Amino acid sequence: LLGVIVGFTGIVLTIQMSNAMNRKLI
């Protein structure tokens, strides 16, 4: 449960940060 919560928040933050910089993760 905790792993899913932490992993999901990490994914959301990653998407938000890359969108904020208008850059693709790759």
PDB file of all heavy atoms in Angstrom:
ATOM      1  N   LEU A   1       0.825  -1.213   0.000  1.00  0.00           N
ATOM      2  CA  LEU A   1       0.000   0.000   0.000  1.00  0.00           C
ATOM      3  C   LEU A   1       0.859   1.263   0.000  1.00  0.00           C
ATOM      4  O   LEU A   1       0.640   2.181  -0.786  1.00  0.00           O
ATOM      5  CB  LEU A   1      -0.928  -0.007   1.217  1.00  0.00           C
ATOM      6  CG  LEU A   1      -2.087  -1.017   1.176  1.00  0.00           C
ATOM      7  CD1 LEU A   1      -2.804  -1.049   2.521  1.00  0.00           C
ATOM      8  CD2 LEU A   1      -3.056  -0.674   0.061  1.00  0.00           C
ATOM      9  N   LEU A   2       1.855   1.284   0.905  1.00  0.00           N
ATOM     10  CA  LEU A   2       2.706   2.476   0.988  1.00  0.00           C
ATOM     11  C   LEU A   2       3.552   2.632  -0.265  1.00  0.00           C
ATOM     12  O   LEU A   2       3.791   3.745  -0.726  1.00  0.00           O
ATOM     13  CB  LEU A   2       3.600   2.391   2.227  1.00  0.00           C
ATOM     14  CG  LEU A   2       2.889   2.393   3.580  1.00  0.00           C
ATOM     15  CD1 LEU A   2       3.903   2.402   4.710  1.00  0.00           C
ATOM     16  CD2 LEU A   2       1.960   3.596   3.696  1.00  0.00           C
ATOM     17  N   GLY A   3       4.005   1.504  -0.818  1.00  0.00           N
ATOM     18  CA  GLY A   3       4.794   1.571  -2.046  1.00  0.00           C
ATOM     19  C   GLY A   3       3.990   2.138  -3.205  1.00  0.00           C
ATOM     20  O   GLY A   3       4.495   2.952  -3.990  1.00  0.00           O
ATOM     21  N   VAL A   4       2.741   1.718  -3.302  1.00  0.00           N
ATOM     22  CA  VAL A   4       1.877   2.232  -4.375  1.00  0.00           C
ATOM     23  C   VAL A   4       1.644   3.734  -4.198  1.00  0.00           C
ATOM     24  O   VAL A   4       1.681   4.504  -5.166  1.00  0.00           O
ATOM     25  CB  VAL A   4       0.530   1.476  -4.388  1.00  0.00           C
ATOM     26  CG1 VAL A   4      -0.472   2.172  -5.303  1.00  0.00           C
ATOM     27  CG2 VAL A   4       0.751   0.039  -4.834  1.00  0.00           C
ATOM     28  N   ILE A   5       1.395   4.157  -2.942  1.00  0.00           N
ATOM     29  CA  ILE A   5       1.162   5.588  -2.678  1.00  0.00           C
ATOM     30  C   ILE A   5       2.388   6.410  -3.048  1.00  0.00           C
ATOM     31  O   ILE A   5       2.300   7.428  -3.766  1.00  0.00           O
ATOM     32  CB  ILE A   5       0.800   5.815  -1.195  1.00  0.00           C
ATOM     33  CG1 ILE A   5      -0.560   5.208  -0.883  1.00  0.00           C
ATOM     34  CG2 ILE A   5       0.787   7.310  -0.867  1.00  0.00           C
ATOM     35  CD1 ILE A   5      -0.912   5.223   0.595  1.00  0.00           C
ATOM     36  N   VAL A   6       3.568   5.982  -2.584  1.00  0.00           N
ATOM     37  CA  VAL A   6       4.804   6.722  -2.870  1.00  0.00           C
ATOM     38  C   VAL A   6       5.114   6.700  -4.358  1.00  0.00           C
ATOM     39  O   VAL A   6       5.496   7.717  -4.950  1.00  0.00           O
ATOM     40  CB  VAL A   6       5.986   6.131  -2.061  1.00  0.00           C
ATOM     41  CG1 VAL A   6       7.296   6.779  -2.474  1.00  0.00           C
ATOM     42  CG2 VAL A   6       5.759   6.324  -0.569  1.00  0.00           C
ATOM     43  N   GLY A   7       4.961   5.532  -4.980  1.00  0.00           N
ATOM     44  CA  GLY A   7       5.238   5.428  -6.412  1.00  0.00           C
ATOM     45  C   GLY A   7       4.310   6.295  -7.241  1.00  0.00           C
ATOM     46  O   GLY A   7       4.743   6.960  -8.188  1.00  0.00           O
ATOM     47  N   PHE A   8       3.019   6.301  -6.866  1.00  0.00           N
ATOM     48  CA  PHE A   8       2.050   7.102  -7.613  1.00  0.00           C
ATOM     49  C   PHE A   8       2.345   8.598  -7.486  1.00  0.00           C
ATOM     50  O   PHE A   8       2.305   9.335  -8.478  1.00  0.00           O
ATOM     51  CB  PHE A   8       0.637   6.804  -7.112  1.00  0.00           C
ATOM     52  CG  PHE A   8      -0.441   7.578  -7.826  1.00  0.00           C
ATOM     53  CD1 PHE A   8      -0.808   7.243  -9.123  1.00  0.00           C
ATOM     54  CD2 PHE A   8      -1.069   8.660  -7.215  1.00  0.00           C
ATOM     55  CE1 PHE A   8      -1.787   7.970  -9.795  1.00  0.00           C
ATOM     56  CE2 PHE A   8      -2.046   9.385  -7.880  1.00  0.00           C
ATOM     57  CZ  PHE A   8      -2.411   9.029  -9.179  1.00  0.00           C
ATOM     58  N   THR A   9       2.654   9.042  -6.254  1.00  0.00           N
ATOM     59  CA  THR A   9       2.965  10.471  -6.080  1.00  0.00           C
ATOM     60  C   THR A   9       4.230  10.845  -6.847  1.00  0.00           C
ATOM     61  O   THR A   9       4.328  11.949  -7.390  1.00  0.00           O
ATOM     62  CB  THR A   9       3.160  10.807  -4.587  1.00  0.00           C
ATOM     63  OG1 THR A   9       4.160   9.942  -4.027  1.00  0.00           O
ATOM     64  CG2 THR A   9       1.877  10.634  -3.814  1.00  0.00           C
ATOM     65  N   GLY A  10       5.194   9.913  -6.899  1.00  0.00           N
ATOM     66  CA  GLY A  10       6.407  10.179  -7.670  1.00  0.00           C
ATOM     67  C   GLY A  10       6.106  10.336  -9.150  1.00  0.00           C
ATOM     68  O   GLY A  10       6.662  11.220  -9.820  1.00  0.00           O
ATOM     69  N   ILE A  11       5.223   9.507  -9.668  1.00  0.00           N
ATOM     70  CA  ILE A  11       4.840   9.598 -11.083  1.00  0.00           C
ATOM     71  C   ILE A  11       4.131  10.920 -11.366  1.00  0.00           C
ATOM     72  O   ILE A  11       4.422  11.601 -12.354  1.00  0.00           O
ATOM     73  CB  ILE A  11       3.938   8.409 -11.472  1.00  0.00           C
ATOM     74  CG1 ILE A  11       4.744   7.103 -11.437  1.00  0.00           C
ATOM     75  CG2 ILE A  11       3.329   8.620 -12.850  1.00  0.00           C
ATOM     76  CD1 ILE A  11       3.905   5.864 -11.595  1.00  0.00           C
ATOM     77  N   VAL A  12       3.193  11.281 -10.474  1.00  0.00           N
ATOM     78  CA  VAL A  12       2.453  12.538 -10.654  1.00  0.00           C
ATOM     79  C   VAL A  12       3.406  13.734 -10.629  1.00  0.00           C
ATOM     80  O   VAL A  12       3.334  14.641 -11.470  1.00  0.00           O
ATOM     81  CB  VAL A  12       1.373  12.689  -9.565  1.00  0.00           C
ATOM     82  CG1 VAL A  12       0.747  14.077  -9.617  1.00  0.00           C
ATOM     83  CG2 VAL A  12       0.291  11.625  -9.746  1.00  0.00           C
ATOM     84  N   LEU A  13       4.323  13.751  -9.654  1.00  0.00           N
ATOM     85  CA  LEU A  13       5.292  14.844  -9.558  1.00  0.00           C
ATOM     86  C   LEU A  13       6.182  14.912 -10.796  1.00  0.00           C
ATOM     87  O   LEU A  13       6.482  15.997 -11.299  1.00  0.00           O
ATOM     88  CB  LEU A  13       6.158  14.673  -8.307  1.00  0.00           C
ATOM     89  CG  LEU A  13       5.573  15.177  -6.983  1.00  0.00           C
ATOM     90  CD1 LEU A  13       6.514  14.834  -5.839  1.00  0.00           C
ATOM     91  CD2 LEU A  13       5.324  16.677  -7.032  1.00  0.00           C
ATOM     92  N   THR A  14       6.596  13.751 -11.285  1.00  0.00           N
ATOM     93  CA  THR A  14       7.449  13.712 -12.476  1.00  0.00           C
ATOM     94  C   THR A  14       6.743  14.334 -13.670  1.00  0.00           C
ATOM     95  O   THR A  14       7.329  15.147 -14.408  1.00  0.00           O
ATOM     96  CB  THR A  14       7.840  12.263 -12.805  1.00  0.00           C
ATOM     97  OG1 THR A  14       8.548  11.695 -11.696  1.00  0.00           O
ATOM     98  CG2 THR A  14       8.732  12.208 -14.026  1.00  0.00           C
ATOM     99  N   ILE A  15       5.492  13.957 -13.862  1.00  0.00           N
ATOM    100  CA  ILE A  15       4.711  14.506 -14.981  1.00  0.00           C
ATOM    101  C   ILE A  15       4.526  16.005 -14.824  1.00  0.00           C
ATOM    102  O   ILE A  15       4.668  16.782 -15.781  1.00  0.00           O
ATOM    103  CB  ILE A  15       3.344  13.792 -15.078  1.00  0.00           C
ATOM    104  CG1 ILE A  15       3.545  12.313 -15.446  1.00  0.00           C
ATOM    105  CG2 ILE A  15       2.444  14.477 -16.103  1.00  0.00           C
ATOM    106  CD1 ILE A  15       2.278  11.494 -15.387  1.00  0.00           C
ATOM    107  N   GLN A  16       4.208  16.443 -13.600  1.00  0.00           N
ATOM    108  CA  GLN A  16       4.003  17.877 -13.350  1.00  0.00           C
ATOM    109  C   GLN A  16       5.276  18.673 -13.612  1.00  0.00           C
ATOM    110  O   GLN A  16       5.239  19.738 -14.224  1.00  0.00           O
ATOM    111  CB  GLN A  16       3.537  18.095 -11.913  1.00  0.00           C
ATOM    112  CG  GLN A  16       2.106  17.670 -11.649  1.00  0.00           C
ATOM    113  CD  GLN A  16       1.683  17.926 -10.218  1.00  0.00           C
ATOM    114  OE1 GLN A  16       2.513  18.026  -9.317  1.00  0.00           O
ATOM    115  NE2 GLN A  16       0.383  18.025  -9.993  1.00  0.00           N
ATOM    116  N   MET A  17       6.412  18.164 -13.151  1.00  0.00           N
ATOM    117  CA  MET A  17       7.674  18.882 -13.329  1.00  0.00           C
ATOM    118  C   MET A  17       8.090  18.941 -14.795  1.00  0.00           C
ATOM    119  O   MET A  17       8.533  19.987 -15.280  1.00  0.00           O
ATOM    120  CB  MET A  17       8.787  18.212 -12.515  1.00  0.00           C
ATOM    121  CG  MET A  17       8.625  18.298 -11.010  1.00  0.00           C
ATOM    122  SD  MET A  17       8.555  20.003 -10.391  1.00  0.00           S
ATOM    123  CE  MET A  17       6.788  20.184 -10.108  1.00  0.00           C
ATOM    124  N   SER A  18       7.945  17.840 -15.516  1.00  0.00           N
ATOM    125  CA  SER A  18       8.327  17.845 -16.933  1.00  0.00           C
ATOM    126  C   SER A  18       7.386  18.735 -17.744  1.00  0.00           C
ATOM    127  O   SER A  18       7.825  19.433 -18.670  1.00  0.00           O
ATOM    128  CB  SER A  18       8.327  16.423 -17.506  1.00  0.00           C
ATOM    129  OG  SER A  18       7.059  15.813 -17.361  1.00  0.00           O
ATOM    130  N   ASN A  19       6.101  18.747 -17.388  1.00  0.00           N
ATOM    131  CA  ASN A  19       5.157  19.642 -18.071  1.00  0.00           C
ATOM    132  C   ASN A  19       5.478  21.100 -17.780  1.00  0.00           C
ATOM    133  O   ASN A  19       5.362  21.962 -18.653  1.00  0.00           O
ATOM    134  CB  ASN A  19       3.724  19.341 -17.628  1.00  0.00           C
ATOM    135  CG  ASN A  19       3.201  18.033 -18.210  1.00  0.00           C
ATOM    136  OD1 ASN A  19       3.754  17.512 -19.180  1.00  0.00           O
ATOM    137  ND2 ASN A  19       2.150  17.494 -17.617  1.00  0.00           N
ATOM    138  N   ALA A  20       5.886  21.376 -16.534  1.00  0.00           N
ATOM    139  CA  ALA A  20       6.225  22.747 -16.160  1.00  0.00           C
ATOM    140  C   ALA A  20       7.425  23.262 -16.947  1.00  0.00           C
ATOM    141  O   ALA A  20       7.558  24.458 -17.203  1.00  0.00           O
ATOM    142  CB  ALA A  20       6.521  22.826 -14.667  1.00  0.00           C
ATOM    143  N   MET A  21       8.308  22.353 -17.342  1.00  0.00           N
ATOM    144  CA  MET A  21       9.475  22.739 -18.126  1.00  0.00           C
ATOM    145  C   MET A  21       9.238  22.558 -19.617  1.00  0.00           C
ATOM    146  O   MET A  21      10.110  22.871 -20.434  1.00  0.00           O
ATOM    147  CB  MET A  21      10.688  21.905 -17.691  1.00  0.00           C
ATOM    148  CG  MET A  21      11.053  22.080 -16.229  1.00  0.00           C
ATOM    149  SD  MET A  21      12.479  21.106 -15.743  1.00  0.00           S
ATOM    150  CE  MET A  21      13.784  22.021 -16.569  1.00  0.00           C
ATOM    151  N   ASN A  22       8.057  22.019 -19.960  1.00  0.00           N
ATOM    152  CA  ASN A  22       7.701  21.762 -21.362  1.00  0.00           C
ATOM    153  C   ASN A  22       8.752  20.877 -22.033  1.00  0.00           C
ATOM    154  O   ASN A  22       9.153  21.104 -23.176  1.00  0.00           O
ATOM    155  CB  ASN A  22       7.556  23.073 -22.134  1.00  0.00           C
ATOM    156  CG  ASN A  22       6.817  22.879 -23.452  1.00  0.00           C
ATOM    157  OD1 ASN A  22       6.008  21.959 -23.589  1.00  0.00           O
ATOM    158  ND2 ASN A  22       7.104  23.714 -24.428  1.00  0.00           N
ATOM    159  N   ARG A  23       9.198  19.882 -21.297  1.00  0.00           N
ATOM    160  CA  ARG A  23      10.210  18.974 -21.824  1.00  0.00           C
ATOM    161  C   ARG A  23       9.744  17.540 -21.652  1.00  0.00           C
ATOM    162  O   ARG A  23       9.144  17.181 -20.644  1.00  0.00           O
ATOM    163  CB  ARG A  23      11.556  19.172 -21.110  1.00  0.00           C
ATOM    164  CG  ARG A  23      12.074  20.589 -21.164  1.00  0.00           C
ATOM    165  CD  ARG A  23      13.481  20.669 -20.598  1.00  0.00           C
ATOM    166  NE  ARG A  23      14.416  19.989 -21.472  1.00  0.00           N
ATOM    167  CZ  ARG A  23      15.505  19.347 -21.040  1.00  0.00           C
ATOM    168  NH1 ARG A  23      15.744  19.266 -19.767  1.00  0.00           N
ATOM    169  NH2 ARG A  23      16.314  18.779 -21.899  1.00  0.00           N
ATOM    170  N   LYS A  24      10.053  16.705 -22.636  1.00  0.00           N
ATOM    171  CA  LYS A  24       9.711  15.293 -22.548  1.00  0.00           C
ATOM    172  C   LYS A  24      10.722  14.573 -21.673  1.00  0.00           C
ATOM    173  O   LYS A  24      11.899  14.894 -21.662  1.00  0.00           O
ATOM    174  CB  LYS A  24       9.684  14.675 -23.951  1.00  0.00           C
ATOM    175  CG  LYS A  24       8.605  15.258 -24.859  1.00  0.00           C
ATOM    176  CD  LYS A  24       8.617  14.587 -26.225  1.00  0.00           C
ATOM    177  CE  LYS A  24       7.523  15.152 -27.117  1.00  0.00           C
ATOM    178  NZ  LYS A  24       7.539  14.533 -28.471  1.00  0.00           N
ATOM    179  N   LEU A  25      10.223  13.566 -20.959  1.00  0.00           N
ATOM    180  CA  LEU A  25      11.092  12.832 -20.048  1.00  0.00           C
ATOM    181  C   LEU A  25      12.260  12.184 -20.777  1.00  0.00           C
ATOM    182  O   LEU A  25      13.379  12.117 -20.251  1.00  0.00           O
ATOM    183  CB  LEU A  25      10.285  11.758 -19.301  1.00  0.00           C
ATOM    184  CG  LEU A  25       9.342  12.269 -18.222  1.00  0.00           C
ATOM    185  CD1 LEU A  25       8.523  11.120 -17.654  1.00  0.00           C
ATOM    186  CD2 LEU A  25      10.118  12.960 -17.111  1.00  0.00           C
ATOM    187  N   ILE A  26      12.033  11.711 -21.979  1.00  0.00           N
ATOM    188  CA  ILE A  26      13.115  11.066 -22.719  1.00  0.00           C
ATOM    189  C   ILE A  26      14.230  12.056 -23.038  1.00  0.00           C
ATOM    190  O   ILE A  26      15.412  11.704 -23.092  1.00  0.00           O
ATOM    191  CB  ILE A  26      12.573  10.413 -24.024  1.00  0.00           C
ATOM    192  CG1 ILE A  26      13.641   9.492 -24.614  1.00  0.00           C
ATOM    193  CG2 ILE A  26      12.135  11.478 -25.023  1.00  0.00           C
ATOM    194  CD1 ILE A  26      13.140   8.643 -25.761  1.00  0.00           C
TER     195      ILE A  26
END
